[in-house]
Amino acid sequence: MRQHRRTLRLLGSLLLVAMAASVTGAAPAPAASPTPLDRVIPAPASVAPGGSPYRITRGTQIRVDGSRETRGVGEYLAKILRPSTGYRLPVTAQGAGGIRLRLAEGLFGAEGYRLDSGRGGVTVTAARPAGLFHGVQTLRQLLPAAVEKDSVQPGPWLVAGGTIKDTPRYGWRGAMLDVSRHFFTVEQVKRYIDQLALYKINKLHLHLSDDQGWRIAIDSWPRLATYGGSTEVGGGPGGFYTKADYREIVRYASSRYLEVVPEIDMPGHTNAALASYAELNCDGVAPPLYTGTEVGFSSLCAGKDITYDFVDDVIRELAALTPGRYLHIGGDEAHSTSHEDYVKFMDRVQPIVAKYGKTVVGWHQLTGATPAKGALAQYWGLDGTSAEEKARVVKAAQGGTGLILSPADRVYLDMKYTKDTPLGLSWAGYVEVKRSYDWDPGAYLPGVPGGAVRGVEAPMWSETLENSGHVEFMAFPRLPGVAELGWSSAASHDWERYKGRLAAQAERWDALGIEWYRSPQVPWGAGGR
């Protein structure tokens, strides 16, 4: 009889559900399920799912230890979660359970972390604050995409149960933003920094000078910014960063665990400087400001002593503003500089960088001279670059020069996706999402010792890009793939699996207000617009 009554109650409940569905015209909502641990980008080193999920509730606290850095990461996480959940989420050193961020010595390296999730809470453990921050990015991706919105959302806020152990493949995972061809404000740069941080990018390379504009104030040569920075491609108003502006970019990047790498491109790509100071020209005549897009026509005068006084002043002031280890001296497309003068110039300029406590980075043409000890060369050639040029880069790597890989027909984010892409250029070909992702940095240049590859970087040149929406459209969906190339192991690299994980990111980009390109190579599904 008891079993009979239970059966009647069950049938009655089902009838009520069916009646409600017939009235509303909708089926009952399925129970929410958390994002699987292996659905994040970049792919983690190790994933062990299991156990009950953790649910963020009104009573959740973010627990931190006593260090300033850990509290900073906790406050960053709280700032992301509070608007969408509507919860207080206090950051505290007291209590139990909730979300815990802790520093502990272990097998995590400088940027690795461990994430443990279960019914009682989520714990992110790392040896260094950067690892905690990267673990928080993984936690963000494990929560529903609506967590990124700036208004209260319904939830629920579930984190799948299990353990992630994660360390990066490469120490250099960079993105370059060209602020010279078109100027981007401090707030626009900050917006890009936040987008880079989500995918564990750790270097922001700022291309601060070129033919079309000089973008950083130099006290000893003030016309560089006030005159040389007064225009841009197409003749717009240009702009430049005061020293306070630049310090704010550096500070903000550091709070997201990105190191700023400033670039002053030389001896070519220097028309803005040459127009600002006649004495930097071999003939003593200043050319007009330039607003076009051709390259290779300008050069500092390698035979004049004032050239090296100028370089010393610029590097001294820029190095003093930059707490990071690196200073990029360009060196590409110096077509108006003879080989002899190019070698002379690099032989004199690289020691200046060292004098002010920085390590030289240059485009891979630097290997046509003699790279300084410890220098890094950034390779931007194509699959079809000449064997001779590739051999020179390989020889330098075999001799101790580190390499950053930025092949233009793979990871230049300003290349058009297809012939119909309304923005970007195509001199390196069309670069769809699969092509951008489907290569191995460790095997890209045969003959390069494994330890010579320091990482990857995705440059964004701005000849055709004028605002944040343009930058985002060209970066997404390619940028996450470059980030994965830099972070995840070669063994995890698989386009067929990756494209499904990438498709799941679209809803998050929408929640963040990111403009993006709906590549037909990716099964976006209902989540992407």
Protein backbone atom coordinates (compact mmCIF):
# COMPACT_ATOMS: atom_id res chain seq x y z
CA MET A 1 0.00 0.00 0.00
CA ARG A 2 2.88 2.41 0.90
CA GLN A 3 4.52 1.71 -2.48
CA HIS A 4 1.17 2.33 -4.20
CA ARG A 5 0.82 5.76 -2.50
CA ARG A 6 4.39 6.72 -3.55
CA THR A 7 3.59 5.77 -7.13
CA LEU A 8 0.42 7.89 -7.09
CA ARG A 9 2.35 10.89 -5.70
CA LEU A 10 5.02 10.49 -8.41
CA LEU A 11 2.37 10.30 -11.14
CA GLY A 12 0.66 13.37 -9.70
CA SER A 13 3.96 15.33 -9.73
CA LEU A 14 4.65 14.37 -13.31
CA LEU A 15 1.11 15.44 -14.27
CA LEU A 16 1.62 18.87 -12.66
CA VAL A 17 4.93 19.32 -14.53
CA ALA A 18 3.26 18.32 -17.80
CA MET A 19 0.36 20.73 -17.17
CA ALA A 20 2.79 23.57 -16.44
CA ALA A 21 4.70 22.82 -19.63
CA SER A 22 1.47 22.84 -21.65
CA VAL A 23 0.52 26.22 -20.22
CA THR A 24 3.91 27.85 -20.79
CA GLY A 25 4.68 26.04 -24.00
CA ALA A 26 8.11 25.07 -22.65
CA ALA A 27 9.71 21.91 -21.38
CA PRO A 28 11.00 21.89 -17.80
CA ALA A 29 14.51 23.36 -17.52
CA PRO A 30 17.31 20.79 -17.25
CA ALA A 31 19.47 20.80 -14.14
CA ALA A 32 22.55 23.02 -14.46
CA SER A 33 25.82 21.21 -14.98
CA PRO A 34 29.27 22.74 -14.43
CA THR A 35 31.83 23.31 -17.16
CA PRO A 36 34.13 20.26 -17.41
CA LEU A 37 37.65 20.85 -16.11
CA ASP A 38 39.17 20.10 -19.51
CA ARG A 39 37.17 22.71 -21.42
CA VAL A 40 39.43 25.68 -20.64
CA ILE A 41 41.97 27.49 -22.86
CA PRO A 42 44.94 27.07 -22.67
CA ALA A 43 44.66 23.32 -22.12
CA PRO A 44 45.92 22.44 -18.61
CA ALA A 45 48.85 20.09 -18.13
CA SER A 46 46.84 17.61 -16.04
CA VAL A 47 43.11 17.22 -15.35
CA ALA A 48 41.56 14.72 -12.90
CA PRO A 49 37.77 15.22 -12.72
CA GLY A 50 35.83 13.71 -9.83
CA GLY A 51 33.63 14.38 -6.87
CA SER A 52 30.89 16.91 -6.28
CA PRO A 53 31.00 20.42 -7.69
CA TYR A 54 31.42 23.51 -5.54
CA ARG A 55 28.64 26.09 -5.57
CA ILE A 56 29.38 29.78 -4.98
CA THR A 57 26.62 31.15 -2.73
CA ARG A 58 25.76 34.26 -0.78
CA GLY A 59 27.88 32.97 2.08
CA THR A 60 31.04 32.32 0.03
CA GLN A 61 34.22 34.04 1.14
CA ILE A 62 37.51 34.45 -0.72
CA ARG A 63 40.20 33.38 1.73
CA VAL A 64 43.77 34.63 1.35
CA ASP A 65 46.98 34.44 3.34
CA GLY A 66 48.72 37.48 4.77
CA SER A 67 50.72 38.50 1.70
CA ARG A 68 49.90 41.68 -0.21
CA GLU A 69 50.16 39.85 -3.54
CA THR A 70 47.70 37.12 -2.57
CA ARG A 71 45.21 39.66 -1.27
CA GLY A 72 45.58 41.57 -4.55
CA VAL A 73 44.69 38.45 -6.56
CA GLY A 74 41.76 37.83 -4.21
CA GLU A 75 40.44 41.37 -4.68
CA TYR A 76 40.82 40.99 -8.45
CA LEU A 77 38.72 37.80 -8.35
CA ALA A 78 36.10 39.40 -6.12
CA LYS A 79 35.80 42.37 -8.48
CA ILE A 80 35.01 39.97 -11.35
CA LEU A 81 32.50 37.86 -9.41
CA ARG A 82 30.54 40.46 -7.40
CA PRO A 83 28.60 42.25 -10.20
CA SER A 84 27.24 39.07 -11.82
CA THR A 85 26.57 37.02 -8.66
CA GLY A 86 25.31 39.90 -6.55
CA TYR A 87 27.19 38.40 -3.58
CA ARG A 88 29.46 40.28 -1.14
CA LEU A 89 32.30 37.74 -1.43
CA PRO A 90 34.51 39.28 1.27
CA VAL A 91 38.26 38.84 0.88
CA THR A 92 39.47 37.64 4.27
CA ALA A 93 42.20 35.73 6.07
CA GLN A 94 39.60 34.14 8.38
CA GLY A 95 37.08 31.32 8.11
CA ALA A 96 36.94 28.01 6.29
CA GLY A 97 35.65 26.69 2.99
CA GLY A 98 34.78 29.02 0.12
CA ILE A 99 37.45 29.97 -2.41
CA ARG A 100 40.96 29.77 -1.00
CA LEU A 101 44.08 31.28 -2.59
CA ARG A 102 47.32 30.11 -1.03
CA LEU A 103 51.04 30.31 -1.68
CA ALA A 104 53.07 27.20 -0.94
CA GLU A 105 56.36 25.88 -2.18
CA GLY A 106 55.91 22.98 -4.55
CA LEU A 107 56.34 21.73 -8.07
CA PHE A 108 54.57 24.68 -9.65
CA GLY A 109 57.41 26.85 -10.97
CA ALA A 110 57.09 30.60 -11.30
CA GLU A 111 53.71 30.51 -13.06
CA GLY A 112 52.15 27.11 -12.39
CA TYR A 113 49.30 26.32 -10.03
CA ARG A 114 47.05 23.60 -8.68
CA LEU A 115 43.27 23.93 -8.51
CA ASP A 116 41.26 21.61 -6.25
CA SER A 117 37.46 21.74 -6.30
CA GLY A 118 34.88 19.86 -4.29
CA ARG A 119 31.67 20.31 -2.34
CA GLY A 120 33.50 22.11 0.48
CA GLY A 121 35.25 24.74 -1.64
CA VAL A 122 37.83 25.60 -4.28
CA THR A 123 41.54 25.98 -3.47
CA VAL A 124 44.11 27.49 -5.83
CA THR A 125 47.69 26.81 -4.73
CA ALA A 126 50.85 28.23 -6.31
CA ALA A 127 54.46 28.90 -5.43
CA ARG A 128 54.31 32.48 -6.74
CA PRO A 129 51.58 35.12 -7.08
CA ALA A 130 51.67 34.85 -10.89
CA GLY A 131 50.63 31.22 -10.55
CA LEU A 132 47.69 32.17 -8.33
CA PHE A 133 46.62 34.73 -10.89
CA HIS A 134 46.76 32.18 -13.72
CA GLY A 135 44.80 29.73 -11.57
CA VAL A 136 42.12 32.39 -11.12
CA GLN A 137 41.85 32.69 -14.93
CA THR A 138 41.16 28.96 -15.07
CA LEU A 139 38.54 29.34 -12.32
CA ARG A 140 36.84 32.10 -14.35
CA GLN A 141 36.54 29.81 -17.35
CA LEU A 142 35.10 27.01 -15.20
CA LEU A 143 32.22 29.28 -14.18
CA PRO A 144 29.32 30.09 -16.53
CA ALA A 145 30.09 32.80 -19.10
CA ALA A 146 27.49 35.05 -17.48
CA VAL A 147 29.92 35.55 -14.60
CA GLU A 148 31.67 38.11 -16.82
CA LYS A 149 28.62 40.40 -17.04
CA ASP A 150 28.37 43.63 -15.05
CA SER A 151 24.81 43.07 -13.79
CA VAL A 152 23.27 40.42 -11.53
CA GLN A 153 22.66 37.10 -13.31
CA PRO A 154 20.62 34.09 -12.14
CA GLY A 155 23.40 31.51 -11.78
CA PRO A 156 23.86 28.89 -10.38
CA TRP A 157 27.62 29.34 -9.99
CA LEU A 158 29.03 25.82 -10.08
CA VAL A 159 32.69 24.73 -10.32
CA ALA A 160 33.20 21.12 -11.40
CA GLY A 161 34.80 18.80 -8.88
CA GLY A 162 38.34 17.50 -9.35
CA THR A 163 41.94 18.65 -9.64
CA ILE A 164 43.92 20.60 -12.23
CA LYS A 165 47.73 20.70 -12.12
CA ASP A 166 49.19 23.18 -14.56
CA THR A 167 52.51 24.69 -15.63
CA PRO A 168 53.39 26.56 -18.87
CA ARG A 169 55.47 25.13 -21.69
CA TYR A 170 57.21 28.46 -22.42
CA GLY A 171 58.12 31.45 -20.29
CA TRP A 172 57.44 33.97 -23.08
CA ARG A 173 53.79 34.16 -24.11
CA GLY A 174 53.44 37.55 -25.68
CA ALA A 175 51.19 39.88 -27.60
CA MET A 176 52.38 43.01 -29.37
CA LEU A 177 50.27 46.09 -29.92
CA ASP A 178 51.38 48.65 -32.51
CA VAL A 179 50.42 52.05 -31.12
CA SER A 180 52.49 53.90 -33.73
CA ARG A 181 50.54 53.44 -36.96
CA HIS A 182 47.37 54.31 -35.05
CA PHE A 183 47.48 55.60 -31.48
CA PHE A 184 45.60 53.76 -28.73
CA THR A 185 44.75 55.46 -25.47
CA VAL A 186 45.74 54.22 -22.02
CA GLU A 187 42.22 52.91 -21.45
CA GLN A 188 42.23 51.05 -24.78
CA VAL A 189 45.55 49.43 -23.90
CA LYS A 190 44.17 48.44 -20.48
CA ARG A 191 41.17 46.82 -22.14
CA TYR A 192 43.47 44.70 -24.29
CA ILE A 193 45.59 43.80 -21.24
CA ASP A 194 42.50 42.40 -19.51
CA GLN A 195 41.68 40.30 -22.56
CA LEU A 196 45.23 38.98 -22.75
CA ALA A 197 45.24 38.07 -19.06
CA LEU A 198 42.24 35.75 -19.46
CA TYR A 199 44.40 33.45 -21.60
CA LYS A 200 47.56 33.64 -19.44
CA ILE A 201 49.57 35.90 -21.78
CA ASN A 202 52.49 37.29 -19.76
CA LYS A 203 54.25 39.79 -22.06
CA LEU A 204 52.86 43.01 -23.55
CA HIS A 205 55.17 44.24 -26.30
CA LEU A 206 54.40 47.90 -27.11
CA HIS A 207 55.61 49.13 -30.51
CA LEU A 208 56.18 52.74 -29.44
CA SER A 209 57.83 54.29 -32.50
CA ASP A 210 57.64 54.04 -36.26
CA ASP A 211 57.57 56.18 -39.38
CA GLN A 212 54.03 57.36 -38.67
CA GLY A 213 54.33 58.33 -35.02
CA TRP A 214 56.49 58.52 -31.89
CA ARG A 215 54.38 57.62 -28.86
CA ILE A 216 56.46 58.07 -25.68
CA ALA A 217 57.60 61.34 -24.08
CA ILE A 218 61.39 61.70 -23.89
CA ASP A 219 62.40 64.72 -21.81
CA SER A 220 65.79 65.18 -23.45
CA TRP A 221 64.26 65.16 -26.95
CA PRO A 222 60.77 66.66 -26.40
CA ARG A 223 59.82 67.14 -30.08
CA LEU A 224 59.80 63.37 -30.57
CA ALA A 225 56.40 63.21 -28.86
CA THR A 226 54.96 66.68 -29.41
CA TYR A 227 55.80 66.82 -33.12
CA GLY A 228 56.68 63.26 -34.08
CA GLY A 229 53.57 61.99 -32.27
CA SER A 230 51.19 64.51 -33.82
CA THR A 231 49.87 62.31 -36.61
CA GLU A 232 49.17 58.70 -37.66
CA VAL A 233 48.25 56.63 -40.71
CA GLY A 234 45.71 58.56 -42.75
CA GLY A 235 46.59 61.85 -41.14
CA GLY A 236 44.66 61.59 -37.87
CA PRO A 237 45.65 63.47 -34.70
CA GLY A 238 47.94 60.76 -33.34
CA GLY A 239 48.92 61.15 -29.71
CA PHE A 240 51.58 60.06 -27.24
CA TYR A 241 51.96 58.73 -23.71
CA THR A 242 53.29 61.04 -21.05
CA LYS A 243 55.67 59.36 -18.65
CA ALA A 244 52.79 59.17 -16.15
CA ASP A 245 50.62 57.48 -18.82
CA TYR A 246 53.31 54.91 -19.54
CA ARG A 247 53.85 54.21 -15.84
CA GLU A 248 50.12 53.60 -15.49
CA ILE A 249 50.16 51.09 -18.36
CA VAL A 250 53.14 49.34 -16.74
CA ARG A 251 51.40 49.31 -13.34
CA TYR A 252 48.15 47.97 -14.75
CA ALA A 253 49.92 45.28 -16.78
CA SER A 254 51.88 44.25 -13.69
CA SER A 255 48.62 43.90 -11.72
CA ARG A 256 47.59 41.34 -14.37
CA TYR A 257 51.06 39.71 -14.27
CA LEU A 258 52.10 40.95 -17.71
CA GLU A 259 55.57 42.37 -18.22
CA VAL A 260 55.74 45.37 -20.56
CA VAL A 261 58.42 45.14 -23.28
CA PRO A 262 58.82 48.57 -24.92
CA GLU A 263 60.10 48.82 -28.48
CA ILE A 264 61.91 51.71 -30.14
CA ASP A 265 62.35 50.51 -33.72
CA MET A 266 65.71 51.46 -35.27
CA PRO A 267 67.70 52.20 -37.39
CA GLY A 268 64.79 51.95 -39.86
CA HIS A 269 61.13 52.80 -39.22
CA THR A 270 62.34 56.15 -37.85
CA ASN A 271 60.71 58.86 -39.98
CA ALA A 272 58.84 60.36 -37.01
CA ALA A 273 62.17 60.89 -35.21
CA LEU A 274 63.93 62.14 -38.35
CA ALA A 275 61.11 64.63 -38.95
CA SER A 276 61.38 65.87 -35.36
CA TYR A 277 65.16 66.50 -35.36
CA ALA A 278 67.02 67.41 -38.56
CA GLU A 279 70.41 66.56 -37.05
CA LEU A 280 69.50 62.84 -36.96
CA ASN A 281 69.52 62.82 -40.78
CA CYS A 282 72.78 62.28 -42.65
CA ASP A 283 72.11 65.38 -44.80
CA GLY A 284 70.84 67.47 -41.87
CA VAL A 285 67.46 68.01 -43.53
CA ALA A 286 64.30 66.90 -41.73
CA PRO A 287 61.76 65.06 -43.91
CA PRO A 288 58.03 65.81 -43.58
CA LEU A 289 55.83 63.80 -41.25
CA TYR A 290 54.58 60.59 -42.85
CA THR A 291 51.05 59.18 -42.83
CA GLY A 292 51.32 56.39 -45.40
CA THR A 293 51.97 52.66 -44.95
CA GLU A 294 55.06 51.92 -47.06
CA VAL A 295 58.16 50.65 -45.21
CA GLY A 296 61.92 50.60 -45.57
CA PHE A 297 62.63 54.18 -46.66
CA SER A 298 63.91 55.75 -43.42
CA SER A 299 67.14 55.35 -41.46
CA LEU A 300 69.00 56.97 -38.62
CA CYS A 301 72.46 58.12 -39.69
CA ALA A 302 74.83 55.38 -38.52
CA GLY A 303 77.92 57.52 -39.15
CA LYS A 304 77.01 60.43 -36.85
CA ASP A 305 77.95 60.52 -33.17
CA ILE A 306 74.76 62.43 -32.35
CA THR A 307 72.79 59.36 -33.42
CA TYR A 308 74.26 57.41 -30.52
CA ASP A 309 73.77 60.31 -28.08
CA PHE A 310 70.11 60.24 -29.15
CA VAL A 311 69.84 56.46 -28.72
CA ASP A 312 71.55 56.63 -25.31
CA ASP A 313 69.12 59.30 -24.08
CA VAL A 314 66.04 57.46 -25.33
CA ILE A 315 67.10 54.11 -23.90
CA ARG A 316 68.16 55.66 -20.60
CA GLU A 317 64.81 57.37 -20.07
CA LEU A 318 62.75 54.42 -21.28
CA ALA A 319 64.72 51.92 -19.19
CA ALA A 320 64.14 54.07 -16.09
CA LEU A 321 60.37 53.86 -16.71
CA THR A 322 60.35 50.11 -17.35
CA PRO A 323 60.79 47.67 -14.46
CA GLY A 324 60.79 44.66 -16.82
CA ARG A 325 63.94 42.91 -18.02
CA TYR A 326 63.71 43.61 -21.74
CA LEU A 327 64.00 46.45 -24.21
CA HIS A 328 63.21 45.85 -27.88
CA ILE A 329 65.35 47.73 -30.41
CA GLY A 330 63.53 46.65 -33.58
CA GLY A 331 66.02 46.25 -36.39
CA ASP A 332 63.64 45.05 -39.12
CA GLU A 333 63.20 46.32 -42.67
CA ALA A 334 66.21 48.67 -42.52
CA HIS A 335 66.33 48.69 -46.32
CA SER A 336 67.81 52.20 -46.47
CA THR A 337 70.72 51.23 -44.22
CA SER A 338 73.72 49.51 -45.79
CA HIS A 339 74.72 46.16 -44.29
CA GLU A 340 77.97 47.71 -43.07
CA ASP A 341 76.14 50.56 -41.36
CA TYR A 342 73.54 48.18 -39.90
CA VAL A 343 76.25 46.06 -38.27
CA LYS A 344 78.02 49.19 -36.99
CA PHE A 345 74.77 50.53 -35.57
CA MET A 346 73.84 47.31 -33.76
CA ASP A 347 77.38 46.90 -32.41
CA ARG A 348 77.09 50.33 -30.77
CA VAL A 349 73.45 50.23 -29.66
CA GLN A 350 73.30 46.81 -27.98
CA PRO A 351 75.87 47.77 -25.29
CA ILE A 352 73.78 50.86 -24.51
CA VAL A 353 70.82 48.61 -23.67
CA ALA A 354 73.05 46.56 -21.36
CA LYS A 355 74.44 49.73 -19.75
CA TYR A 356 70.96 50.58 -18.52
CA GLY A 357 70.32 47.11 -17.14
CA LYS A 358 68.12 45.65 -19.87
CA THR A 359 68.32 42.63 -22.16
CA VAL A 360 68.19 43.23 -25.92
CA VAL A 361 65.28 41.96 -27.98
CA GLY A 362 65.28 42.57 -31.73
CA TRP A 363 63.45 41.35 -34.80
CA HIS A 364 65.26 38.40 -36.34
CA GLN A 365 67.21 40.63 -38.76
CA LEU A 366 69.39 41.27 -35.71
CA THR A 367 71.01 37.90 -36.50
CA GLY A 368 72.46 39.56 -39.62
CA ALA A 369 74.73 41.44 -37.20
CA THR A 370 76.15 39.95 -34.00
CA PRO A 371 73.49 39.55 -31.31
CA ALA A 372 74.70 40.49 -27.84
CA LYS A 373 75.16 37.74 -25.28
CA GLY A 374 71.73 36.86 -23.90
CA ALA A 375 69.85 38.73 -26.64
CA LEU A 376 66.55 37.43 -27.99
CA ALA A 377 65.64 37.45 -31.68
CA GLN A 378 61.97 37.63 -32.66
CA TYR A 379 61.38 35.58 -35.81
CA TRP A 380 58.63 36.96 -38.04
CA GLY A 381 59.41 35.15 -41.29
CA LEU A 382 57.03 32.99 -43.28
CA ASP A 383 56.86 29.30 -44.03
CA GLY A 384 58.35 30.34 -47.40
CA THR A 385 61.13 32.58 -46.08
CA SER A 386 64.44 31.84 -47.85
CA ALA A 387 66.57 28.98 -46.60
CA GLU A 388 69.50 31.39 -46.26
CA GLU A 389 67.61 33.70 -43.90
CA LYS A 390 66.30 30.80 -41.84
CA ALA A 391 69.78 29.30 -41.65
CA ARG A 392 71.14 32.55 -40.22
CA VAL A 393 68.50 32.49 -37.48
CA VAL A 394 69.17 28.81 -36.74
CA LYS A 395 72.92 29.46 -36.52
CA ALA A 396 72.35 32.31 -34.05
CA ALA A 397 70.12 30.05 -31.95
CA GLN A 398 72.77 27.34 -31.97
CA GLY A 399 75.22 29.99 -30.75
CA GLY A 400 73.08 30.93 -27.74
CA THR A 401 70.61 33.53 -29.03
CA GLY A 402 67.11 32.85 -27.73
CA LEU A 403 64.16 32.91 -30.13
CA ILE A 404 60.64 34.28 -29.85
CA LEU A 405 58.50 32.83 -32.63
CA SER A 406 56.07 35.14 -34.42
CA PRO A 407 55.77 33.72 -37.94
CA ALA A 408 53.75 36.29 -39.86
CA ASP A 409 51.69 33.77 -41.82
CA ARG A 410 50.67 32.06 -38.56
CA VAL A 411 50.35 34.55 -35.72
CA TYR A 412 50.34 38.10 -37.12
CA LEU A 413 46.89 39.04 -35.86
CA ASP A 414 46.53 41.87 -38.38
CA MET A 415 46.52 39.45 -41.32
CA LYS A 416 43.11 39.05 -42.93
CA TYR A 417 41.24 35.82 -42.19
CA THR A 418 40.02 35.63 -45.81
CA LYS A 419 39.93 37.91 -48.84
CA ASP A 420 36.61 39.27 -47.58
CA THR A 421 37.86 40.40 -44.15
CA PRO A 422 37.13 44.14 -43.96
CA LEU A 423 40.21 44.93 -41.83
CA GLY A 424 43.86 43.94 -41.92
CA LEU A 425 46.50 43.24 -44.53
CA SER A 426 47.36 40.18 -46.61
CA TRP A 427 51.04 40.46 -47.57
CA ALA A 428 51.75 37.30 -45.53
CA GLY A 429 48.66 35.55 -46.91
CA TYR A 430 45.30 34.85 -45.32
CA VAL A 431 45.44 33.42 -41.82
CA GLU A 432 42.32 31.59 -40.73
CA VAL A 433 41.91 30.22 -37.21
CA LYS A 434 43.14 26.70 -37.93
CA ARG A 435 46.30 27.91 -39.65
CA SER A 436 47.07 30.21 -36.74
CA TYR A 437 46.76 27.34 -34.24
CA ASP A 438 47.98 24.31 -36.16
CA TRP A 439 51.79 24.43 -35.80
CA ASP A 440 54.37 23.50 -33.18
CA PRO A 441 56.79 26.23 -32.00
CA GLY A 442 59.27 23.58 -30.86
CA ALA A 443 59.57 22.09 -34.35
CA TYR A 444 58.97 25.15 -36.51
CA LEU A 445 62.62 25.91 -37.40
CA PRO A 446 64.53 22.65 -37.88
CA GLY A 447 67.97 22.71 -36.32
CA VAL A 448 67.06 25.12 -33.51
CA PRO A 449 67.96 23.63 -30.10
CA GLY A 450 64.85 23.04 -28.00
CA GLY A 451 66.06 25.30 -25.22
CA ALA A 452 66.58 28.20 -27.63
CA VAL A 453 62.83 28.66 -28.21
CA ARG A 454 61.73 30.94 -25.39
CA GLY A 455 58.14 31.18 -26.52
CA VAL A 456 55.65 32.75 -28.91
CA GLU A 457 54.21 36.19 -29.52
CA ALA A 458 51.22 37.43 -31.51
CA PRO A 459 51.90 40.86 -33.06
CA MET A 460 49.02 43.22 -33.91
CA TRP A 461 50.07 45.86 -36.44
CA SER A 462 47.64 48.75 -36.75
CA GLU A 463 47.83 50.18 -40.28
CA THR A 464 44.10 49.46 -40.70
CA LEU A 465 43.02 49.31 -37.05
CA GLU A 466 41.68 52.44 -35.38
CA ASN A 467 39.85 51.36 -32.20
CA SER A 468 39.38 48.56 -29.66
CA GLY A 469 36.63 46.91 -31.71
CA HIS A 470 39.02 46.58 -34.66
CA VAL A 471 41.74 45.09 -32.46
CA GLU A 472 39.33 42.59 -30.90
CA PHE A 473 37.88 41.48 -34.23
CA MET A 474 41.36 40.59 -35.46
CA ALA A 475 42.49 39.03 -32.15
CA PHE A 476 39.45 36.83 -31.51
CA PRO A 477 39.28 33.94 -32.14
CA ARG A 478 43.01 33.62 -33.02
CA LEU A 479 44.61 34.98 -29.84
CA PRO A 480 43.49 32.12 -27.53
CA GLY A 481 45.14 29.63 -29.88
CA VAL A 482 48.47 31.45 -29.76
CA ALA A 483 48.18 31.55 -25.98
CA GLU A 484 47.66 27.79 -25.97
CA LEU A 485 50.72 27.28 -28.19
CA GLY A 486 52.75 29.12 -25.57
CA TRP A 487 51.27 27.50 -22.48
CA SER A 488 50.17 23.94 -23.26
CA SER A 489 52.28 20.89 -24.02
CA ALA A 490 52.86 19.81 -27.60
CA ALA A 491 51.16 16.49 -26.79
CA SER A 492 47.89 18.28 -26.01
CA HIS A 493 47.86 20.02 -29.38
CA ASP A 494 44.93 18.81 -31.48
CA TRP A 495 42.81 21.02 -33.74
CA GLU A 496 39.74 18.79 -33.68
CA ARG A 497 39.53 18.89 -29.89
CA TYR A 498 40.63 22.50 -29.66
CA LYS A 499 37.96 23.94 -31.95
CA GLY A 500 35.21 22.62 -29.67
CA ARG A 501 36.83 24.30 -26.66
CA LEU A 502 37.22 27.47 -28.69
CA ALA A 503 33.56 27.47 -29.71
CA ALA A 504 32.60 27.40 -26.03
CA GLN A 505 34.50 30.68 -25.49
CA ALA A 506 32.14 32.69 -27.71
CA GLU A 507 29.50 33.14 -25.03
CA ARG A 508 32.19 34.55 -22.70
CA TRP A 509 33.37 37.02 -25.35
CA ASP A 510 29.78 38.17 -25.80
CA ALA A 511 29.41 38.64 -22.04
CA LEU A 512 32.61 40.72 -22.01
CA GLY A 513 31.47 42.84 -24.96
CA ILE A 514 34.32 41.65 -27.18
CA GLU A 515 33.97 41.99 -30.94
CA TRP A 516 34.96 38.76 -32.73
CA TYR A 517 35.06 37.03 -36.08
CA ARG A 518 32.72 34.09 -36.61
CA SER A 519 35.10 31.77 -38.44
CA PRO A 520 33.33 29.03 -40.45
CA GLN A 521 36.09 26.66 -39.30
CA VAL A 522 34.70 26.61 -35.74
CA PRO A 523 31.38 24.98 -34.68
CA TRP A 524 30.10 27.98 -32.74
CA GLY A 525 26.64 26.59 -32.07
CA ALA A 526 23.96 28.48 -30.22
CA GLY A 527 26.42 30.15 -27.86
CA GLY A 528 28.03 32.43 -30.45
CA ARG A 529 26.27 35.25 -32.22
